[in-house]
Amino acid sequence: MGSEIKDRVMGQKSEVRSRTQEARNKIQEKILPLSSRLLPLAFRVMPLWIEAIGMGAVMGAIVDSNKRFKERLKEIDGKLFLFEASDLGKKFFLYIKDGDIKIIPHLAKEPDVVMRGETKILFGLLLGKEDPDTVFFSRKLEISGDTAAAIHFKNILNSL
């Protein structure tokens, strides 16, 4: 009798987890397309220093949530990437240091790699939602500079 109750409880827990995951998926399906339309509008009027703080928080959360990603970043330590959002005319620097990512709004130093594309493509790359090879070969992403560092960074992003 006790094992029947335990089995029933375990089944209910599994069902709750399944329904919770379904609800998350539905929310993501509705929010992600909306956010890809609203983010560019917000970034057009947002001061660059606020963008850098927000991007820093997002990237910090990504790095902290994935230990392997953090370790792999050490492979490109000291590299400076410039991301240019062509649809907004904005740019920010991403500096890799000690397995961490620093977002810098302005910098007088020449970047090692420049990545240029629309906002949703750049965010998709950084969040692991876009395949770097696909967006590069479809010409949605332009890359210049240290190609070895760019390819290495691409491989790290692919591991997300």
N, C-alpha and C. Protein backbone atom coordinates (compact mmCIF):
# COMPACT_ATOMS: atom_id res chain seq x y z
N MET A 1 0.82 -1.19 0.00
CA MET A 1 0.00 0.00 0.00
C MET A 1 0.86 1.26 0.00
N GLY A 2 1.94 1.26 0.82
CA GLY A 2 2.83 2.42 0.91
C GLY A 2 3.54 2.69 -0.40
N SER A 3 3.92 1.64 -1.12
CA SER A 3 4.61 1.83 -2.40
C SER A 3 3.67 2.39 -3.47
N GLU A 4 2.36 2.03 -3.37
CA GLU A 4 1.39 2.57 -4.33
C GLU A 4 1.26 4.08 -4.15
N ILE A 5 1.22 4.53 -2.91
CA ILE A 5 1.12 5.98 -2.63
C ILE A 5 2.38 6.68 -3.11
N LYS A 6 3.52 6.07 -2.83
CA LYS A 6 4.79 6.65 -3.25
C LYS A 6 4.84 6.75 -4.78
N ASP A 7 4.41 5.71 -5.47
CA ASP A 7 4.40 5.73 -6.94
C ASP A 7 3.47 6.81 -7.47
N ARG A 8 2.31 6.95 -6.83
CA ARG A 8 1.34 7.95 -7.26
C ARG A 8 1.91 9.37 -7.06
N VAL A 9 2.55 9.59 -5.90
CA VAL A 9 3.15 10.90 -5.62
C VAL A 9 4.25 11.20 -6.63
N MET A 10 5.08 10.20 -6.91
CA MET A 10 6.17 10.39 -7.88
C MET A 10 5.60 10.71 -9.27
N GLY A 11 4.53 10.04 -9.63
CA GLY A 11 3.88 10.30 -10.91
C GLY A 11 3.33 11.71 -10.98
N GLN A 12 2.73 12.17 -9.88
CA GLN A 12 2.19 13.52 -9.83
C GLN A 12 3.31 14.55 -9.92
N LYS A 13 4.42 14.30 -9.24
CA LYS A 13 5.56 15.22 -9.31
C LYS A 13 6.08 15.31 -10.74
N SER A 14 6.16 14.16 -11.39
CA SER A 14 6.64 14.13 -12.77
C SER A 14 5.68 14.92 -13.68
N GLU A 15 4.40 14.77 -13.46
CA GLU A 15 3.40 15.48 -14.26
C GLU A 15 3.50 16.98 -14.03
N VAL A 16 3.71 17.39 -12.79
CA VAL A 16 3.84 18.81 -12.48
C VAL A 16 5.08 19.38 -13.17
N ARG A 17 6.19 18.64 -13.13
CA ARG A 17 7.42 19.09 -13.81
C ARG A 17 7.18 19.24 -15.30
N SER A 18 6.49 18.27 -15.87
CA SER A 18 6.20 18.30 -17.30
C SER A 18 5.34 19.50 -17.66
N ARG A 19 4.30 19.75 -16.88
CA ARG A 19 3.42 20.89 -17.14
C ARG A 19 4.16 22.21 -16.95
N THR A 20 5.03 22.27 -15.95
CA THR A 20 5.82 23.48 -15.71
C THR A 20 6.73 23.76 -16.89
N GLN A 21 7.38 22.72 -17.41
CA GLN A 21 8.25 22.89 -18.56
C GLN A 21 7.46 23.31 -19.79
N GLU A 22 6.28 22.75 -19.98
CA GLU A 22 5.42 23.15 -21.10
C GLU A 22 5.04 24.62 -20.99
N ALA A 23 4.71 25.06 -19.78
CA ALA A 23 4.36 26.47 -19.56
C ALA A 23 5.55 27.38 -19.87
N ARG A 24 6.75 26.98 -19.43
CA ARG A 24 7.95 27.77 -19.73
C ARG A 24 8.17 27.87 -21.23
N ASN A 25 8.02 26.74 -21.92
CA ASN A 25 8.21 26.74 -23.36
C ASN A 25 7.22 27.66 -24.06
N LYS A 26 5.96 27.65 -23.62
CA LYS A 26 4.95 28.53 -24.23
C LYS A 26 5.29 29.99 -23.99
N ILE A 27 5.75 30.30 -22.78
CA ILE A 27 6.12 31.68 -22.46
C ILE A 27 7.28 32.12 -23.34
N GLN A 28 8.30 31.25 -23.46
CA GLN A 28 9.45 31.59 -24.29
C GLN A 28 9.04 31.78 -25.74
N GLU A 29 8.13 30.94 -26.23
CA GLU A 29 7.67 31.07 -27.62
C GLU A 29 7.00 32.41 -27.86
N LYS A 30 6.33 32.93 -26.85
CA LYS A 30 5.62 34.20 -27.03
C LYS A 30 6.51 35.40 -26.73
N ILE A 31 7.40 35.29 -25.75
CA ILE A 31 8.21 36.42 -25.34
C ILE A 31 9.40 36.65 -26.25
N LEU A 32 10.08 35.59 -26.68
CA LEU A 32 11.28 35.78 -27.48
C LEU A 32 11.01 36.56 -28.77
N PRO A 33 9.97 36.23 -29.55
CA PRO A 33 9.72 37.04 -30.75
C PRO A 33 9.39 38.49 -30.40
N LEU A 34 8.65 38.69 -29.32
CA LEU A 34 8.29 40.04 -28.90
C LEU A 34 9.54 40.80 -28.46
N SER A 35 10.40 40.14 -27.69
CA SER A 35 11.61 40.83 -27.21
C SER A 35 12.55 41.17 -28.36
N SER A 36 12.57 40.33 -29.40
CA SER A 36 13.45 40.64 -30.53
C SER A 36 12.97 41.88 -31.29
N ARG A 37 11.68 42.21 -31.17
CA ARG A 37 11.16 43.43 -31.80
C ARG A 37 11.30 44.63 -30.87
N LEU A 38 11.14 44.41 -29.56
CA LEU A 38 11.17 45.52 -28.62
C LEU A 38 12.59 45.94 -28.22
N LEU A 39 13.51 44.98 -28.15
CA LEU A 39 14.87 45.31 -27.73
C LEU A 39 15.51 46.38 -28.62
N PRO A 40 15.44 46.25 -29.94
CA PRO A 40 16.05 47.30 -30.76
C PRO A 40 15.45 48.69 -30.49
N LEU A 41 14.15 48.76 -30.25
CA LEU A 41 13.53 50.04 -29.94
C LEU A 41 14.06 50.61 -28.64
N ALA A 42 14.18 49.76 -27.63
CA ALA A 42 14.69 50.21 -26.34
C ALA A 42 16.14 50.67 -26.46
N PHE A 43 16.94 49.95 -27.25
CA PHE A 43 18.34 50.30 -27.38
C PHE A 43 18.57 51.58 -28.16
N ARG A 44 17.63 51.96 -29.00
CA ARG A 44 17.78 53.21 -29.75
C ARG A 44 17.80 54.43 -28.82
N VAL A 45 17.05 54.38 -27.74
CA VAL A 45 16.94 55.53 -26.84
C VAL A 45 17.73 55.38 -25.55
N MET A 46 18.23 54.21 -25.28
CA MET A 46 18.92 53.94 -24.02
C MET A 46 20.37 54.45 -24.08
N PRO A 47 20.82 55.14 -23.02
CA PRO A 47 22.23 55.56 -22.99
C PRO A 47 23.16 54.35 -22.98
N LEU A 48 24.31 54.51 -23.59
CA LEU A 48 25.26 53.41 -23.75
C LEU A 48 25.72 52.83 -22.43
N TRP A 49 25.89 53.66 -21.41
CA TRP A 49 26.37 53.14 -20.12
C TRP A 49 25.33 52.22 -19.48
N ILE A 50 24.04 52.50 -19.68
CA ILE A 50 22.99 51.62 -19.15
C ILE A 50 22.99 50.30 -19.92
N GLU A 51 23.18 50.37 -21.23
CA GLU A 51 23.27 49.15 -22.04
C GLU A 51 24.41 48.28 -21.54
N ALA A 52 25.57 48.89 -21.26
CA ALA A 52 26.74 48.14 -20.81
C ALA A 52 26.46 47.45 -19.49
N ILE A 53 25.78 48.13 -18.58
CA ILE A 53 25.44 47.51 -17.29
C ILE A 53 24.51 46.33 -17.51
N GLY A 54 23.49 46.52 -18.33
CA GLY A 54 22.53 45.44 -18.62
C GLY A 54 23.19 44.26 -19.29
N MET A 55 24.00 44.53 -20.31
CA MET A 55 24.69 43.45 -21.02
C MET A 55 25.68 42.75 -20.09
N GLY A 56 26.33 43.52 -19.23
CA GLY A 56 27.26 42.94 -18.26
C GLY A 56 26.55 41.97 -17.33
N ALA A 57 25.35 42.35 -16.89
CA ALA A 57 24.58 41.48 -16.00
C ALA A 57 24.15 40.20 -16.73
N VAL A 58 23.70 40.35 -17.97
CA VAL A 58 23.27 39.18 -18.75
C VAL A 58 24.46 38.25 -19.00
N MET A 59 25.57 38.81 -19.44
CA MET A 59 26.74 37.99 -19.72
C MET A 59 27.30 37.37 -18.45
N GLY A 60 27.27 38.11 -17.34
CA GLY A 60 27.72 37.56 -16.06
C GLY A 60 26.89 36.35 -15.66
N ALA A 61 25.58 36.45 -15.86
CA ALA A 61 24.69 35.34 -15.52
C ALA A 61 24.98 34.12 -16.41
N ILE A 62 25.24 34.36 -17.68
CA ILE A 62 25.55 33.26 -18.60
C ILE A 62 26.85 32.58 -18.18
N VAL A 63 27.86 33.39 -17.90
CA VAL A 63 29.17 32.83 -17.52
C VAL A 63 29.06 32.07 -16.20
N ASP A 64 28.39 32.67 -15.22
CA ASP A 64 28.28 32.04 -13.91
C ASP A 64 27.45 30.76 -13.93
N SER A 65 26.51 30.66 -14.86
CA SER A 65 25.65 29.48 -14.90
C SER A 65 26.29 28.30 -15.65
N ASN A 66 27.39 28.55 -16.32
CA ASN A 66 28.01 27.50 -17.12
C ASN A 66 29.51 27.45 -16.81
N LYS A 67 29.88 26.56 -15.91
CA LYS A 67 31.28 26.47 -15.45
C LYS A 67 32.23 26.15 -16.61
N ARG A 68 31.80 25.27 -17.50
CA ARG A 68 32.66 24.91 -18.64
C ARG A 68 32.89 26.11 -19.55
N PHE A 69 31.86 26.90 -19.77
CA PHE A 69 31.96 28.12 -20.59
C PHE A 69 33.00 29.06 -19.96
N LYS A 70 32.93 29.22 -18.65
CA LYS A 70 33.87 30.09 -17.94
C LYS A 70 35.31 29.59 -18.10
N GLU A 71 35.50 28.30 -17.98
CA GLU A 71 36.84 27.72 -18.15
C GLU A 71 37.35 27.93 -19.57
N ARG A 72 36.47 27.74 -20.54
CA ARG A 72 36.88 27.88 -21.94
C ARG A 72 37.23 29.31 -22.30
N LEU A 73 36.60 30.28 -21.60
CA LEU A 73 36.92 31.68 -21.88
C LEU A 73 38.39 31.99 -21.59
N LYS A 74 38.99 31.24 -20.68
CA LYS A 74 40.40 31.46 -20.35
C LYS A 74 41.29 31.18 -21.55
N GLU A 75 40.79 30.41 -22.51
CA GLU A 75 41.55 30.09 -23.72
C GLU A 75 41.75 31.32 -24.61
N ILE A 76 40.89 32.32 -24.46
CA ILE A 76 41.02 33.55 -25.25
C ILE A 76 41.20 34.76 -24.33
N ASP A 77 41.85 34.52 -23.21
CA ASP A 77 42.08 35.57 -22.22
C ASP A 77 42.82 36.75 -22.84
N GLY A 78 42.37 37.92 -22.50
CA GLY A 78 43.00 39.15 -22.99
C GLY A 78 42.49 39.63 -24.33
N LYS A 79 41.59 38.90 -24.95
CA LYS A 79 41.07 39.30 -26.27
C LYS A 79 39.95 40.33 -26.11
N LEU A 80 39.92 41.27 -27.03
CA LEU A 80 38.92 42.33 -27.04
C LEU A 80 38.09 42.22 -28.31
N PHE A 81 36.78 42.08 -28.13
CA PHE A 81 35.85 41.96 -29.25
C PHE A 81 34.99 43.22 -29.31
N LEU A 82 34.78 43.72 -30.51
CA LEU A 82 33.89 44.85 -30.72
C LEU A 82 32.64 44.33 -31.43
N PHE A 83 31.48 44.53 -30.82
CA PHE A 83 30.21 44.15 -31.42
C PHE A 83 29.52 45.42 -31.89
N GLU A 84 29.20 45.47 -33.18
CA GLU A 84 28.52 46.62 -33.77
C GLU A 84 27.13 46.20 -34.22
N ALA A 85 26.12 46.85 -33.63
CA ALA A 85 24.74 46.60 -34.04
C ALA A 85 24.43 47.52 -35.21
N SER A 86 24.49 46.96 -36.41
CA SER A 86 24.35 47.77 -37.63
C SER A 86 22.98 48.43 -37.75
N ASP A 87 21.94 47.81 -37.21
CA ASP A 87 20.60 48.38 -37.32
C ASP A 87 20.38 49.53 -36.33
N LEU A 88 21.21 49.64 -35.32
CA LEU A 88 21.06 50.70 -34.32
C LEU A 88 22.18 51.73 -34.37
N GLY A 89 23.25 51.39 -35.06
CA GLY A 89 24.40 52.30 -35.08
C GLY A 89 25.09 52.37 -33.73
N LYS A 90 24.99 51.31 -32.94
CA LYS A 90 25.62 51.28 -31.61
C LYS A 90 26.66 50.17 -31.57
N LYS A 91 27.59 50.32 -30.63
CA LYS A 91 28.62 49.30 -30.47
C LYS A 91 29.02 49.19 -29.02
N PHE A 92 29.54 48.02 -28.68
CA PHE A 92 30.08 47.81 -27.35
C PHE A 92 31.24 46.83 -27.44
N PHE A 93 32.13 46.94 -26.47
CA PHE A 93 33.30 46.08 -26.41
C PHE A 93 33.07 44.96 -25.40
N LEU A 94 33.53 43.80 -25.75
CA LEU A 94 33.47 42.64 -24.87
C LEU A 94 34.92 42.22 -24.63
N TYR A 95 35.35 42.31 -23.37
CA TYR A 95 36.73 42.01 -23.02
C TYR A 95 36.76 40.75 -22.18
N ILE A 96 37.57 39.78 -22.62
CA ILE A 96 37.70 38.50 -21.90
C ILE A 96 38.91 38.61 -20.97
N LYS A 97 38.67 38.42 -19.68
CA LYS A 97 39.76 38.51 -18.72
C LYS A 97 39.51 37.54 -17.57
N ASP A 98 40.47 36.64 -17.33
CA ASP A 98 40.42 35.70 -16.21
C ASP A 98 39.14 34.85 -16.20
N GLY A 99 38.72 34.39 -17.36
CA GLY A 99 37.52 33.55 -17.46
C GLY A 99 36.24 34.31 -17.24
N ASP A 100 36.27 35.61 -17.40
CA ASP A 100 35.08 36.43 -17.21
C ASP A 100 34.93 37.37 -18.41
N ILE A 101 33.74 37.90 -18.58
CA ILE A 101 33.46 38.82 -19.67
C ILE A 101 33.14 40.18 -19.09
N LYS A 102 33.84 41.18 -19.57
CA LYS A 102 33.59 42.57 -19.17
C LYS A 102 32.98 43.29 -20.37
N ILE A 103 31.91 44.01 -20.14
CA ILE A 103 31.27 44.81 -21.19
C ILE A 103 31.72 46.26 -20.97
N ILE A 104 32.28 46.85 -22.02
CA ILE A 104 32.80 48.21 -21.93
C ILE A 104 32.15 49.03 -23.04
N PRO A 105 31.49 50.15 -22.68
CA PRO A 105 30.81 50.94 -23.72
C PRO A 105 31.75 51.71 -24.64
N HIS A 106 32.85 52.23 -24.10
CA HIS A 106 33.79 53.03 -24.90
C HIS A 106 35.21 52.56 -24.59
N LEU A 107 36.03 52.52 -25.62
CA LEU A 107 37.42 52.12 -25.40
C LEU A 107 38.25 52.68 -26.54
N ALA A 108 39.41 53.21 -26.22
CA ALA A 108 40.28 53.79 -27.24
C ALA A 108 41.20 52.76 -27.87
N LYS A 109 41.19 51.56 -27.36
CA LYS A 109 42.06 50.49 -27.85
C LYS A 109 41.46 49.82 -29.09
N GLU A 110 42.34 49.38 -29.98
CA GLU A 110 41.91 48.66 -31.19
C GLU A 110 41.47 47.25 -30.80
N PRO A 111 40.27 46.81 -31.23
CA PRO A 111 39.81 45.46 -30.88
C PRO A 111 40.56 44.38 -31.67
N ASP A 112 40.60 43.18 -31.08
CA ASP A 112 41.18 42.04 -31.78
C ASP A 112 40.24 41.54 -32.86
N VAL A 113 38.94 41.56 -32.57
CA VAL A 113 37.92 41.05 -33.49
C VAL A 113 36.76 42.04 -33.54
N VAL A 114 36.23 42.28 -34.73
CA VAL A 114 35.03 43.09 -34.90
C VAL A 114 33.93 42.19 -35.46
N MET A 115 32.78 42.18 -34.79
CA MET A 115 31.62 41.44 -35.27
C MET A 115 30.49 42.44 -35.49
N ARG A 116 29.96 42.46 -36.73
CA ARG A 116 28.96 43.44 -37.10
C ARG A 116 27.73 42.72 -37.64
N GLY A 117 26.56 43.12 -37.11
CA GLY A 117 25.30 42.53 -37.56
C GLY A 117 24.14 43.20 -36.87
N GLU A 118 22.93 42.75 -37.17
CA GLU A 118 21.75 43.30 -36.51
C GLU A 118 21.73 42.89 -35.04
N THR A 119 21.04 43.68 -34.25
CA THR A 119 20.96 43.46 -32.80
C THR A 119 20.51 42.05 -32.47
N LYS A 120 19.45 41.58 -33.11
CA LYS A 120 18.93 40.25 -32.76
C LYS A 120 19.93 39.15 -33.10
N ILE A 121 20.75 39.34 -34.12
CA ILE A 121 21.78 38.36 -34.47
C ILE A 121 22.88 38.35 -33.40
N LEU A 122 23.34 39.55 -33.01
CA LEU A 122 24.40 39.64 -32.00
C LEU A 122 23.94 39.05 -30.67
N PHE A 123 22.72 39.39 -30.24
CA PHE A 123 22.19 38.82 -29.00
C PHE A 123 22.03 37.32 -29.13
N GLY A 124 21.55 36.87 -30.26
CA GLY A 124 21.38 35.44 -30.49
C GLY A 124 22.70 34.69 -30.38
N LEU A 125 23.77 35.29 -30.90
CA LEU A 125 25.09 34.67 -30.80
C LEU A 125 25.53 34.56 -29.34
N LEU A 126 25.43 35.68 -28.63
CA LEU A 126 25.90 35.72 -27.25
C LEU A 126 25.07 34.83 -26.33
N LEU A 127 23.82 34.62 -26.67
CA LEU A 127 22.95 33.79 -25.83
C LEU A 127 22.92 32.34 -26.30
N GLY A 128 23.65 32.04 -27.36
CA GLY A 128 23.70 30.66 -27.85
C GLY A 128 22.46 30.25 -28.64
N LYS A 129 21.68 31.23 -29.10
CA LYS A 129 20.45 30.94 -29.85
C LYS A 129 20.65 30.96 -31.36
N GLU A 130 21.75 31.55 -31.82
CA GLU A 130 22.05 31.61 -33.25
C GLU A 130 23.31 30.81 -33.52
N ASP A 131 23.32 30.10 -34.63
CA ASP A 131 24.50 29.35 -35.03
C ASP A 131 25.47 30.31 -35.72
N PRO A 132 26.67 30.49 -35.17
CA PRO A 132 27.62 31.45 -35.76
C PRO A 132 27.94 31.16 -37.23
N ASP A 133 28.11 29.89 -37.59
CA ASP A 133 28.42 29.56 -38.98
C ASP A 133 27.29 29.96 -39.91
N THR A 134 26.07 29.67 -39.50
CA THR A 134 24.91 29.98 -40.33
C THR A 134 24.79 31.48 -40.58
N VAL A 135 24.89 32.29 -39.52
CA VAL A 135 24.73 33.74 -39.70
C VAL A 135 25.92 34.34 -40.44
N PHE A 136 27.10 33.74 -40.30
CA PHE A 136 28.26 34.25 -41.04
C PHE A 136 28.12 33.95 -42.52
N PHE A 137 27.82 32.70 -42.86
CA PHE A 137 27.75 32.31 -44.27
C PHE A 137 26.51 32.86 -44.97
N SER A 138 25.49 33.25 -44.20
CA SER A 138 24.33 33.89 -44.81
C SER A 138 24.51 35.41 -44.87
N ARG A 139 25.69 35.87 -44.48
CA ARG A 139 26.08 37.28 -44.52
C ARG A 139 25.27 38.16 -43.56
N LYS A 140 24.70 37.55 -42.54
CA LYS A 140 24.00 38.32 -41.51
C LYS A 140 24.97 38.81 -40.44
N LEU A 141 26.19 38.27 -40.48
CA LEU A 141 27.24 38.63 -39.53
C LEU A 141 28.53 38.83 -40.29
N GLU A 142 29.17 39.99 -40.06
CA GLU A 142 30.47 40.26 -40.65
C GLU A 142 31.52 40.15 -39.55
N ILE A 143 32.62 39.49 -39.85
CA ILE A 143 33.69 39.32 -38.87
C ILE A 143 34.99 39.80 -39.51
N SER A 144 35.73 40.61 -38.77
CA SER A 144 37.05 41.03 -39.24
C SER A 144 38.02 41.04 -38.06
N GLY A 145 39.30 41.03 -38.38
CA GLY A 145 40.32 41.05 -37.34
C GLY A 145 40.96 39.69 -37.17
N ASP A 146 41.27 39.34 -35.94
CA ASP A 146 41.95 38.09 -35.59
C ASP A 146 40.98 36.92 -35.80
N THR A 147 41.06 36.30 -36.97
CA THR A 147 40.11 35.23 -37.29
C THR A 147 40.28 34.02 -36.39
N ALA A 148 41.50 33.75 -35.94
CA ALA A 148 41.71 32.61 -35.03
C ALA A 148 40.96 32.83 -33.72
N ALA A 149 41.03 34.05 -33.18
CA ALA A 149 40.30 34.37 -31.94
C ALA A 149 38.80 34.33 -32.18
N ALA A 150 38.35 34.81 -33.34
CA ALA A 150 36.93 34.80 -33.66
C ALA A 150 36.41 33.36 -33.76
N ILE A 151 37.15 32.50 -34.42
CA ILE A 151 36.74 31.10 -34.55
C ILE A 151 36.74 30.41 -33.19
N HIS A 152 37.74 30.71 -32.39
CA HIS A 152 37.81 30.13 -31.05
C HIS A 152 36.61 30.57 -30.21
N PHE A 153 36.27 31.86 -30.29
CA PHE A 153 35.11 32.38 -29.56
C PHE A 153 33.82 31.73 -30.07
N LYS A 154 33.74 31.56 -31.38
CA LYS A 154 32.58 30.89 -31.98
C LYS A 154 32.43 29.47 -31.43
N ASN A 155 33.54 28.77 -31.34
CA ASN A 155 33.49 27.40 -30.81
C ASN A 155 33.05 27.38 -29.35
N ILE A 156 33.50 28.36 -28.60
CA ILE A 156 33.07 28.46 -27.19
C ILE A 156 31.57 28.73 -27.12
N LEU A 157 31.08 29.63 -27.97
CA LEU A 157 29.63 29.93 -27.99
C LEU A 157 28.84 28.70 -28.41
N ASN A 158 29.37 27.92 -29.34
CA ASN A 158 28.69 26.69 -29.78
C ASN A 158 28.56 25.69 -28.65
N SER A 159 29.44 25.77 -27.65
CA SER A 159 29.39 24.82 -26.54
C SER A 159 28.34 25.20 -25.50
N LEU A 160 27.67 26.33 -25.68
CA LEU A 160 26.63 26.75 -24.72
C LEU A 160 25.46 25.79 -24.71
